[in-house]
Amino acid sequence: MKEIATLDVTDNKRLVLSLGEYKGIERIDLRQYVKVEDKFIATQKGINVCSEWLPDFVKMVNKLNNI
């Protein structure tokens, strides 16, 4: 997985956006990490979607601006 961006939510929690591949398909992963002994570890909390869904996913998120 190639880390694209991070967002520190608290001192002990972070969101990490990554790009990787699974079974030959490019995937986008947005996952929560928690700090354990000065190291951030991935949790099961997150989403993983096919990168070809990105345009539709961005449209969904942009709808939040209209609320």
PDB file of N, CA and C in Angstrom:
ATOM      1  N   MET A   1       0.841  -1.178   0.000  1.00  0.00           N
ATOM      2  CA  MET A   1       0.000   0.000   0.000  1.00  0.00           C
ATOM      3  C   MET A   1       0.888   1.245   0.000  1.00  0.00           C
ATOM      4  N   LYS A   2       0.524   2.176  -0.868  1.00  0.00           N
ATOM      5  CA  LYS A   2       1.227   3.447  -0.926  1.00  0.00           C
ATOM      6  C   LYS A   2       0.387   4.487  -0.196  1.00  0.00           C
ATOM      7  N   GLU A   3       0.952   5.056   0.858  1.00  0.00           N
ATOM      8  CA  GLU A   3       0.243   6.061   1.644  1.00  0.00           C
ATOM      9  C   GLU A   3       0.147   7.352   0.840  1.00  0.00           C
ATOM     10  N   ILE A   4      -1.080   7.867   0.706  1.00  0.00           N
ATOM     11  CA  ILE A   4      -1.331   9.082  -0.068  1.00  0.00           C
ATOM     12  C   ILE A   4      -1.442  10.299   0.845  1.00  0.00           C
ATOM     13  N   ALA A   5      -2.186  10.158   1.953  1.00  0.00           N
ATOM     14  CA  ALA A   5      -2.398  11.287   2.862  1.00  0.00           C
ATOM     15  C   ALA A   5      -2.790  10.778   4.240  1.00  0.00           C
ATOM     16  N   THR A   6      -2.577  11.624   5.243  1.00  0.00           N
ATOM     17  CA  THR A   6      -2.992  11.303   6.611  1.00  0.00           C
ATOM     18  C   THR A   6      -3.712  12.503   7.203  1.00  0.00           C
ATOM     19  N   LEU A   7      -4.567  12.209   8.165  1.00  0.00           N
ATOM     20  CA  LEU A   7      -5.276  13.241   8.915  1.00  0.00           C
ATOM     21  C   LEU A   7      -5.266  12.834  10.376  1.00  0.00           C
ATOM     22  N   ASP A   8      -4.580  13.603  11.216  1.00  0.00           N
ATOM     23  CA  ASP A   8      -4.557  13.317  12.646  1.00  0.00           C
ATOM     24  C   ASP A   8      -5.876  13.768  13.248  1.00  0.00           C
ATOM     25  N   VAL A   9      -6.643  12.809  13.760  1.00  0.00           N
ATOM     26  CA  VAL A   9      -7.952  13.078  14.348  1.00  0.00           C
ATOM     27  C   VAL A   9      -7.769  13.482  15.805  1.00  0.00           C
ATOM     28  N   THR A  10      -6.959  12.741  16.526  1.00  0.00           N
ATOM     29  CA  THR A  10      -6.566  13.057  17.903  1.00  0.00           C
ATOM     30  C   THR A  10      -5.086  12.723  18.026  1.00  0.00           C
ATOM     31  N   ASP A  11      -4.551  12.854  19.227  1.00  0.00           N
ATOM     32  CA  ASP A  11      -3.149  12.487  19.437  1.00  0.00           C
ATOM     33  C   ASP A  11      -2.921  10.994  19.214  1.00  0.00           C
ATOM     34  N   ASN A  12      -3.975  10.191  19.385  1.00  0.00           N
ATOM     35  CA  ASN A  12      -3.830   8.740  19.302  1.00  0.00           C
ATOM     36  C   ASN A  12      -4.569   8.093  18.135  1.00  0.00           C
ATOM     37  N   LYS A  13      -5.256   8.892  17.315  1.00  0.00           N
ATOM     38  CA  LYS A  13      -6.000   8.344  16.179  1.00  0.00           C
ATOM     39  C   LYS A  13      -5.662   9.124  14.918  1.00  0.00           C
ATOM     40  N   ARG A  14      -5.612   8.393  13.823  1.00  0.00           N
ATOM     41  CA  ARG A  14      -5.251   8.990  12.537  1.00  0.00           C
ATOM     42  C   ARG A  14      -6.026   8.290  11.428  1.00  0.00           C
ATOM     43  N   LEU A  15      -6.452   9.058  10.429  1.00  0.00           N
ATOM     44  CA  LEU A  15      -7.026   8.485   9.211  1.00  0.00           C
ATOM     45  C   LEU A  15      -5.923   8.446   8.158  1.00  0.00           C
ATOM     46  N   VAL A  16      -5.811   7.316   7.467  1.00  0.00           N
ATOM     47  CA  VAL A  16      -4.782   7.160   6.448  1.00  0.00           C
ATOM     48  C   VAL A  16      -5.448   6.758   5.136  1.00  0.00           C
ATOM     49  N   LEU A  17      -5.162   7.505   4.083  1.00  0.00           N
ATOM     50  CA  LEU A  17      -5.638   7.208   2.740  1.00  0.00           C
ATOM     51  C   LEU A  17      -4.490   6.547   1.985  1.00  0.00           C
ATOM     52  N   SER A  18      -4.749   5.347   1.464  1.00  0.00           N
ATOM     53  CA  SER A  18      -3.707   4.585   0.775  1.00  0.00           C
ATOM     54  C   SER A  18      -4.215   4.066  -0.553  1.00  0.00           C
ATOM     55  N   LEU A  19      -3.280   3.766  -1.414  1.00  0.00           N
ATOM     56  CA  LEU A  19      -3.577   3.178  -2.713  1.00  0.00           C
ATOM     57  C   LEU A  19      -2.782   1.885  -2.820  1.00  0.00           C
ATOM     58  N   GLY A  20      -3.464   0.813  -3.208  1.00  0.00           N
ATOM     59  CA  GLY A  20      -2.797  -0.468  -3.315  1.00  0.00           C
ATOM     60  C   GLY A  20      -3.444  -1.339  -4.368  1.00  0.00           C
ATOM     61  N   GLU A  21      -3.094  -2.606  -4.337  1.00  0.00           N
ATOM     62  CA  GLU A  21      -3.617  -3.552  -5.313  1.00  0.00           C
ATOM     63  C   GLU A  21      -4.004  -4.846  -4.607  1.00  0.00           C
ATOM     64  N   TYR A  22      -5.117  -5.436  -5.039  1.00  0.00           N
ATOM     65  CA  TYR A  22      -5.570  -6.719  -4.509  1.00  0.00           C
ATOM     66  C   TYR A  22      -6.086  -7.554  -5.663  1.00  0.00           C
ATOM     67  N   LYS A  23      -5.494  -8.699  -5.847  1.00  0.00           N
ATOM     68  CA  LYS A  23      -5.853  -9.597  -6.946  1.00  0.00           C
ATOM     69  C   LYS A  23      -5.839  -8.877  -8.295  1.00  0.00           C
ATOM     70  N   GLY A  24      -4.829  -8.029  -8.491  1.00  0.00           N
ATOM     71  CA  GLY A  24      -4.657  -7.331  -9.753  1.00  0.00           C
ATOM     72  C   GLY A  24      -5.546  -6.127  -9.966  1.00  0.00           C
ATOM     73  N   ILE A  25      -6.337  -5.762  -8.957  1.00  0.00           N
ATOM     74  CA  ILE A  25      -7.257  -4.621  -9.068  1.00  0.00           C
ATOM     75  C   ILE A  25      -6.776  -3.511  -8.137  1.00  0.00           C
ATOM     76  N   GLU A  26      -6.647  -2.295  -8.696  1.00  0.00           N
ATOM     77  CA  GLU A  26      -6.225  -1.157  -7.886  1.00  0.00           C
ATOM     78  C   GLU A  26      -7.319  -0.805  -6.884  1.00  0.00           C
ATOM     79  N   ARG A  27      -6.927  -0.619  -5.618  1.00  0.00           N
ATOM     80  CA  ARG A  27      -7.869  -0.365  -4.536  1.00  0.00           C
ATOM     81  C   ARG A  27      -7.494   0.912  -3.793  1.00  0.00           C
ATOM     82  N   ILE A  28      -8.525   1.599  -3.275  1.00  0.00           N
ATOM     83  CA  ILE A  28      -8.361   2.774  -2.418  1.00  0.00           C
ATOM     84  C   ILE A  28      -8.773   2.363  -1.009  1.00  0.00           C
ATOM     85  N   ASP A  29      -7.934   2.679  -0.040  1.00  0.00           N
ATOM     86  CA  ASP A  29      -8.204   2.296   1.343  1.00  0.00           C
ATOM     87  C   ASP A  29      -8.178   3.543   2.221  1.00  0.00           C
ATOM     88  N   LEU A  30      -9.244   3.763   2.983  1.00  0.00           N
ATOM     89  CA  LEU A  30      -9.316   4.829   3.980  1.00  0.00           C
ATOM     90  C   LEU A  30      -9.537   4.142   5.311  1.00  0.00           C
ATOM     91  N   ARG A  31      -8.534   4.200   6.188  1.00  0.00           N
ATOM     92  CA  ARG A  31      -8.555   3.391   7.395  1.00  0.00           C
ATOM     93  C   ARG A  31      -8.153   4.204   8.615  1.00  0.00           C
ATOM     94  N   GLN A  32      -8.739   3.843   9.752  1.00  0.00           N
ATOM     95  CA  GLN A  32      -8.367   4.452  11.028  1.00  0.00           C
ATOM     96  C   GLN A  32      -7.180   3.703  11.609  1.00  0.00           C
ATOM     97  N   TYR A  33      -6.210   4.451  12.075  1.00  0.00           N
ATOM     98  CA  TYR A  33      -5.041   3.890  12.748  1.00  0.00           C
ATOM     99  C   TYR A  33      -5.062   4.389  14.193  1.00  0.00           C
ATOM    100  N   VAL A  34      -4.542   3.591  15.110  1.00  0.00           N
ATOM    101  CA  VAL A  34      -4.423   3.997  16.514  1.00  0.00           C
ATOM    102  C   VAL A  34      -2.968   3.879  16.937  1.00  0.00           C
ATOM    103  N   LYS A  35      -2.598   4.732  17.869  1.00  0.00           N
ATOM    104  CA  LYS A  35      -1.219   4.753  18.351  1.00  0.00           C
ATOM    105  C   LYS A  35      -1.037   3.725  19.461  1.00  0.00           C
ATOM    106  N   VAL A  36      -0.076   2.851  19.265  1.00  0.00           N
ATOM    107  CA  VAL A  36       0.273   1.830  20.249  1.00  0.00           C
ATOM    108  C   VAL A  36       1.786   1.882  20.420  1.00  0.00           C
ATOM    109  N   GLU A  37       2.227   2.244  21.603  1.00  0.00           N
ATOM    110  CA  GLU A  37       3.665   2.326  21.910  1.00  0.00           C
ATOM    111  C   GLU A  37       4.420   3.156  20.868  1.00  0.00           C
ATOM    112  N   ASP A  38       3.957   4.371  20.631  1.00  0.00           N
ATOM    113  CA  ASP A  38       4.589   5.336  19.720  1.00  0.00           C
ATOM    114  C   ASP A  38       4.586   4.903  18.260  1.00  0.00           C
ATOM    115  N   LYS A  39       3.710   3.962  17.887  1.00  0.00           N
ATOM    116  CA  LYS A  39       3.608   3.504  16.505  1.00  0.00           C
ATOM    117  C   LYS A  39       2.131   3.413  16.136  1.00  0.00           C
ATOM    118  N   PHE A  40       1.758   3.909  14.943  1.00  0.00           N
ATOM    119  CA  PHE A  40       0.370   3.832  14.505  1.00  0.00           C
ATOM    120  C   PHE A  40       0.116   2.489  13.833  1.00  0.00           C
ATOM    121  N   ILE A  41      -0.959   1.819  14.279  1.00  0.00           N
ATOM    122  CA  ILE A  41      -1.335   0.491  13.801  1.00  0.00           C
ATOM    123  C   ILE A  41      -2.720   0.581  13.151  1.00  0.00           C
ATOM    124  N   ALA A  42      -2.881  -0.065  11.993  1.00  0.00           N
ATOM    125  CA  ALA A  42      -4.171  -0.076  11.290  1.00  0.00           C
ATOM    126  C   ALA A  42      -5.211  -0.843  12.093  1.00  0.00           C
ATOM    127  N   THR A  43      -6.447  -0.341  12.080  1.00  0.00           N
ATOM    128  CA  THR A  43      -7.562  -1.045  12.711  1.00  0.00           C
ATOM    129  C   THR A  43      -8.465  -1.618  11.619  1.00  0.00           C
ATOM    130  N   GLN A  44      -9.510  -2.310  12.028  1.00  0.00           N
ATOM    131  CA  GLN A  44     -10.481  -2.837  11.074  1.00  0.00           C
ATOM    132  C   GLN A  44     -11.466  -1.763  10.625  1.00  0.00           C
ATOM    133  N   LYS A  45     -11.453  -0.623  11.301  1.00  0.00           N
ATOM    134  CA  LYS A  45     -12.379   0.463  10.958  1.00  0.00           C
ATOM    135  C   LYS A  45     -11.876   1.185   9.718  1.00  0.00           C
ATOM    136  N   GLY A  46     -12.627   1.073   8.642  1.00  0.00           N
ATOM    137  CA  GLY A  46     -12.250   1.743   7.414  1.00  0.00           C
ATOM    138  C   GLY A  46     -13.007   1.178   6.234  1.00  0.00           C
ATOM    139  N   ILE A  47     -12.680   1.710   5.066  1.00  0.00           N
ATOM    140  CA  ILE A  47     -13.302   1.207   3.838  1.00  0.00           C
ATOM    141  C   ILE A  47     -12.211   0.943   2.813  1.00  0.00           C
ATOM    142  N   ASN A  48     -12.520   0.033   1.905  1.00  0.00           N
ATOM    143  CA  ASN A  48     -11.621  -0.329   0.832  1.00  0.00           C
ATOM    144  C   ASN A  48     -12.476  -0.498  -0.412  1.00  0.00           C
ATOM    145  N   VAL A  49     -12.237   0.321  -1.431  1.00  0.00           N
ATOM    146  CA  VAL A  49     -13.062   0.288  -2.642  1.00  0.00           C
ATOM    147  C   VAL A  49     -12.175   0.227  -3.875  1.00  0.00           C
ATOM    148  N   CYS A  50     -12.755  -0.238  -4.955  1.00  0.00           N
ATOM    149  CA  CYS A  50     -12.087  -0.293  -6.249  1.00  0.00           C
ATOM    150  C   CYS A  50     -11.825   1.141  -6.722  1.00  0.00           C
ATOM    151  N   SER A  51     -10.635   1.409  -7.239  1.00  0.00           N
ATOM    152  CA  SER A  51     -10.284   2.775  -7.642  1.00  0.00           C
ATOM    153  C   SER A  51     -11.153   3.293  -8.785  1.00  0.00           C
ATOM    154  N   GLU A  52     -11.751   2.407  -9.567  1.00  0.00           N
ATOM    155  CA  GLU A  52     -12.614   2.891 -10.653  1.00  0.00           C
ATOM    156  C   GLU A  52     -13.908   3.512 -10.122  1.00  0.00           C
ATOM    157  N   TRP A  53     -14.201   3.309  -8.851  1.00  0.00           N
ATOM    158  CA  TRP A  53     -15.375   3.923  -8.220  1.00  0.00           C
ATOM    159  C   TRP A  53     -15.090   5.341  -7.741  1.00  0.00           C
ATOM    160  N   LEU A  54     -13.854   5.788  -7.830  1.00  0.00           N
ATOM    161  CA  LEU A  54     -13.461   7.082  -7.264  1.00  0.00           C
ATOM    162  C   LEU A  54     -14.324   8.246  -7.741  1.00  0.00           C
ATOM    163  N   PRO A  55     -14.588   8.417  -9.035  1.00  0.00           N
ATOM    164  CA  PRO A  55     -15.422   9.558  -9.444  1.00  0.00           C
ATOM    165  C   PRO A  55     -16.801   9.560  -8.786  1.00  0.00           C
ATOM    166  N   ASP A  56     -17.446   8.397  -8.699  1.00  0.00           N
ATOM    167  CA  ASP A  56     -18.763   8.323  -8.065  1.00  0.00           C
ATOM    168  C   ASP A  56     -18.666   8.536  -6.558  1.00  0.00           C
ATOM    169  N   PHE A  57     -17.594   8.049  -5.947  1.00  0.00           N
ATOM    170  CA  PHE A  57     -17.396   8.233  -4.515  1.00  0.00           C
ATOM    171  C   PHE A  57     -17.204   9.712  -4.187  1.00  0.00           C
ATOM    172  N   VAL A  58     -16.433  10.408  -5.004  1.00  0.00           N
ATOM    173  CA  VAL A  58     -16.214  11.847  -4.801  1.00  0.00           C
ATOM    174  C   VAL A  58     -17.534  12.608  -4.925  1.00  0.00           C
ATOM    175  N   LYS A  59     -18.364  12.224  -5.895  1.00  0.00           N
ATOM    176  CA  LYS A  59     -19.682  12.860  -6.040  1.00  0.00           C
ATOM    177  C   LYS A  59     -20.517  12.669  -4.775  1.00  0.00           C
ATOM    178  N   MET A  60     -20.484  11.457  -4.204  1.00  0.00           N
ATOM    179  CA  MET A  60     -21.229  11.197  -2.974  1.00  0.00           C
ATOM    180  C   MET A  60     -20.750  12.098  -1.834  1.00  0.00           C
ATOM    181  N   VAL A  61     -19.444  12.198  -1.666  1.00  0.00           N
ATOM    182  CA  VAL A  61     -18.889  13.007  -0.575  1.00  0.00           C
ATOM    183  C   VAL A  61     -19.202  14.488  -0.800  1.00  0.00           C
ATOM    184  N   ASN A  62     -19.140  14.930  -2.039  1.00  0.00           N
ATOM    185  CA  ASN A  62     -19.434  16.341  -2.333  1.00  0.00           C
ATOM    186  C   ASN A  62     -20.879  16.718  -2.003  1.00  0.00           C
ATOM    187  N   LYS A  63     -21.770  15.749  -1.969  1.00  0.00           N
ATOM    188  CA  LYS A  63     -23.162  16.038  -1.594  1.00  0.00           C
ATOM    189  C   LYS A  63     -23.269  16.531  -0.165  1.00  0.00           C
ATOM    190  N   LEU A  64     -22.282  16.250   0.657  1.00  0.00           N
ATOM    191  CA  LEU A  64     -22.259  16.762   2.028  1.00  0.00           C
ATOM    192  C   LEU A  64     -22.182  18.282   2.050  1.00  0.00           C
ATOM    193  N   ASN A  65     -21.603  18.870   1.023  1.00  0.00           N
ATOM    194  CA  ASN A  65     -21.505  20.338   0.946  1.00  0.00           C
ATOM    195  C   ASN A  65     -22.872  20.977   0.740  1.00  0.00           C
ATOM    196  N   ASN A  66     -23.841  20.228   0.262  1.00  0.00           N
ATOM    197  CA  ASN A  66     -25.181  20.761  -0.025  1.00  0.00           C
ATOM    198  C   ASN A  66     -26.155  20.575   1.128  1.00  0.00           C
ATOM    199  N   ILE A  67     -25.699  20.041   2.224  1.00  0.00           N
ATOM    200  CA  ILE A  67     -26.602  19.788   3.361  1.00  0.00           C
ATOM    201  C   ILE A  67     -26.709  21.035   4.210  1.00  0.00           C
TER     202      ILE A  67
END
